[in-house]
C-alpha atoms as a PDB file:
ATOM      1  CA  MET A   1      74.577 119.089 116.834  1.00  0.00           C
ATOM      2  CA  LYS A   2      73.442 122.257 118.512  1.00  0.00           C
ATOM      3  CA  PRO A   3      76.164 123.934 120.521  1.00  0.00           C
ATOM      4  CA  GLY A   4      75.736 124.381 124.266  1.00  0.00           C
ATOM      5  CA  ILE A   5      73.011 121.779 124.921  1.00  0.00           C
ATOM      6  CA  HIS A   6      75.130 118.622 125.287  1.00  0.00           C
ATOM      7  CA  PRO A   7      77.048 117.662 128.443  1.00  0.00           C
ATOM      8  CA  ALA A   8      80.836 117.604 128.366  1.00  0.00           C
ATOM      9  CA  TYR A   9      82.233 114.298 127.115  1.00  0.00           C
ATOM     10  CA  GLY A  10      85.673 113.483 128.461  1.00  0.00           C
ATOM     11  CA  PRO A  11      87.925 110.922 130.125  1.00  0.00           C
ATOM     12  CA  VAL A  12      86.703 109.443 133.424  1.00  0.00           C
ATOM     13  CA  VAL A  13      88.045 106.641 135.626  1.00  0.00           C
ATOM     14  CA  PHE A  14      85.505 104.102 136.882  1.00  0.00           C
ATOM     15  CA  ARG A  15      86.756 102.285 139.994  1.00  0.00           C
ATOM     16  CA  ASP A  16      85.428  99.092 141.554  1.00  0.00           C
ATOM     17  CA  LYS A  17      86.863  99.102 145.066  1.00  0.00           C
ATOM     18  CA  ALA A  18      85.553  95.619 145.905  1.00  0.00           C
ATOM     19  CA  ALA A  19      87.649  94.057 143.130  1.00  0.00           C
ATOM     20  CA  ASP A  20      90.478  96.612 143.235  1.00  0.00           C
ATOM     21  CA  TYR A  21      89.913  97.291 139.546  1.00  0.00           C
ATOM     22  CA  ALA A  22      89.734 100.565 137.631  1.00  0.00           C
ATOM     23  CA  PHE A  23      89.490 101.499 133.978  1.00  0.00           C
ATOM     24  CA  LEU A  24      89.780 104.726 132.039  1.00  0.00           C
ATOM     25  CA  THR A  25      87.088 105.516 129.495  1.00  0.00           C
ATOM     26  CA  ARG A  26      85.165 108.486 128.146  1.00  0.00           C
ATOM     27  CA  SER A  27      81.812 109.491 129.597  1.00  0.00           C
ATOM     28  CA  THR A  28      79.488 112.400 130.286  1.00  0.00           C
ATOM     29  CA  ALA A  29      79.366 111.401 133.981  1.00  0.00           C
ATOM     30  CA  THR A  30      81.120 113.795 136.334  1.00  0.00           C
ATOM     31  CA  SER A  31      82.580 113.630 139.824  1.00  0.00           C
ATOM     32  CA  ASP A  32      84.238 115.924 142.350  1.00  0.00           C
ATOM     33  CA  LYS A  33      86.748 113.210 143.280  1.00  0.00           C
ATOM     34  CA  THR A  34      89.919 112.853 141.221  1.00  0.00           C
ATOM     35  CA  VAL A  35      92.630 110.250 140.842  1.00  0.00           C
ATOM     36  CA  THR A  36      96.068 110.279 139.267  1.00  0.00           C
ATOM     37  CA  TRP A  37      96.083 107.636 136.541  1.00  0.00           C
ATOM     38  CA  GLU A  38      98.991 105.486 135.317  1.00  0.00           C
ATOM     39  CA  ASP A  39      99.881 108.042 132.636  1.00  0.00           C
ATOM     40  CA  GLY A  40     100.421 110.756 135.273  1.00  0.00           C
ATOM     41  CA  ASN A  41      97.301 112.771 134.397  1.00  0.00           C
ATOM     42  CA  THR A  42      94.522 113.531 136.872  1.00  0.00           C
ATOM     43  CA  TYR A  43      91.015 112.383 135.951  1.00  0.00           C
ATOM     44  CA  PRO A  44      87.633 112.443 137.703  1.00  0.00           C
ATOM     45  CA  VAL A  45      86.882 109.104 139.380  1.00  0.00           C
ATOM     46  CA  ILE A  46      83.496 107.439 139.869  1.00  0.00           C
ATOM     47  CA  ASP A  47      83.241 104.578 142.369  1.00  0.00           C
ATOM     48  CA  VAL A  48      80.916 101.766 141.286  1.00  0.00           C
ATOM     49  CA  GLU A  49      79.449  98.901 143.300  1.00  0.00           C
ATOM     50  CA  ILE A  50      80.063  96.222 140.680  1.00  0.00           C
ATOM     51  CA  SER A  51      82.011  95.880 137.447  1.00  0.00           C
ATOM     52  CA  SER A  52      83.076  93.101 135.109  1.00  0.00           C
ATOM     53  CA  ALA A  53      85.866  92.271 137.570  1.00  0.00           C
ATOM     54  CA  SER A  54      83.425  91.499 140.396  1.00  0.00           C
ATOM     55  CA  HIS A  55      80.162  90.499 138.660  1.00  0.00           C
ATOM     56  CA  PRO A  56      79.306  86.800 139.127  1.00  0.00           C
ATOM     57  CA  PHE A  57      78.471  86.354 135.440  1.00  0.00           C
ATOM     58  CA  HIS A  58      81.941  87.466 134.343  1.00  0.00           C
ATOM     59  CA  THR A  59      83.909  85.842 137.177  1.00  0.00           C
ATOM     60  CA  GLY A  60      82.085  82.493 137.166  1.00  0.00           C
ATOM     61  CA  THR A  61      81.541  82.558 140.916  1.00  0.00           C
ATOM     62  CA  ALA A  62      77.777  82.425 141.119  1.00  0.00           C
ATOM     63  CA  ARG A  63      76.089  82.231 144.505  1.00  0.00           C
ATOM     64  CA  VAL A  64      74.535  78.906 145.458  1.00  0.00           C
ATOM     65  CA  LEU A  65      70.896  79.205 146.486  1.00  0.00           C
ATOM     66  CA  ASP A  66      69.480  77.082 149.282  1.00  0.00           C
ATOM     67  CA  THR A  67      66.667  75.591 147.194  1.00  0.00           C
ATOM     68  CA  ALA A  68      65.828  72.819 149.677  1.00  0.00           C
ATOM     69  CA  GLY A  69      65.314  75.312 152.481  1.00  0.00           C
ATOM     70  CA  ARG A  70      63.182  77.501 150.268  1.00  0.00           C
ATOM     71  CA  VAL A  71      60.899  74.588 149.317  1.00  0.00           C
ATOM     72  CA  GLU A  72      60.458  73.564 152.961  1.00  0.00           C
ATOM     73  CA  ARG A  73      59.659  77.137 153.949  1.00  0.00           C
ATOM     74  CA  PHE A  74      57.075  77.338 151.140  1.00  0.00           C
ATOM     75  CA  GLU A  75      55.457  74.072 152.267  1.00  0.00           C
ATOM     76  CA  ARG A  76      55.317  75.244 155.889  1.00  0.00           C
ATOM     77  CA  ARG A  77      53.800  78.547 154.901  1.00  0.00           C
ATOM     78  CA  TYR A  78      51.184  77.243 152.465  1.00  0.00           C
ATOM     79  CA  GLY A  79      50.491  73.767 153.851  1.00  0.00           C
ATOM     80  CA  GLY A  80      52.537  71.678 151.444  1.00  0.00           C
ATOM     81  CA  THR A  81      51.081  69.084 149.099  1.00  0.00           C
ATOM     82  CA  GLN A  82      48.323  66.697 150.171  1.00  0.00           C
END
């Protein structure tokens, strides 16, 4: 690898505030915010919208779609079947 052209690769905490879940990993992502981790060290923290703790695929809590209402709306809009 050429020196000086790659971003710094170090420990970062990714935090999902919706699920109150955080994990420490290594990444090239950076942040100005910091957090004190369980080991007593301070790491940069990146807040994410969704993680494995809050994603419907991983939690098994998928949203139910109103398919009947969608069909009726389609029929009203396009005339339905004859």
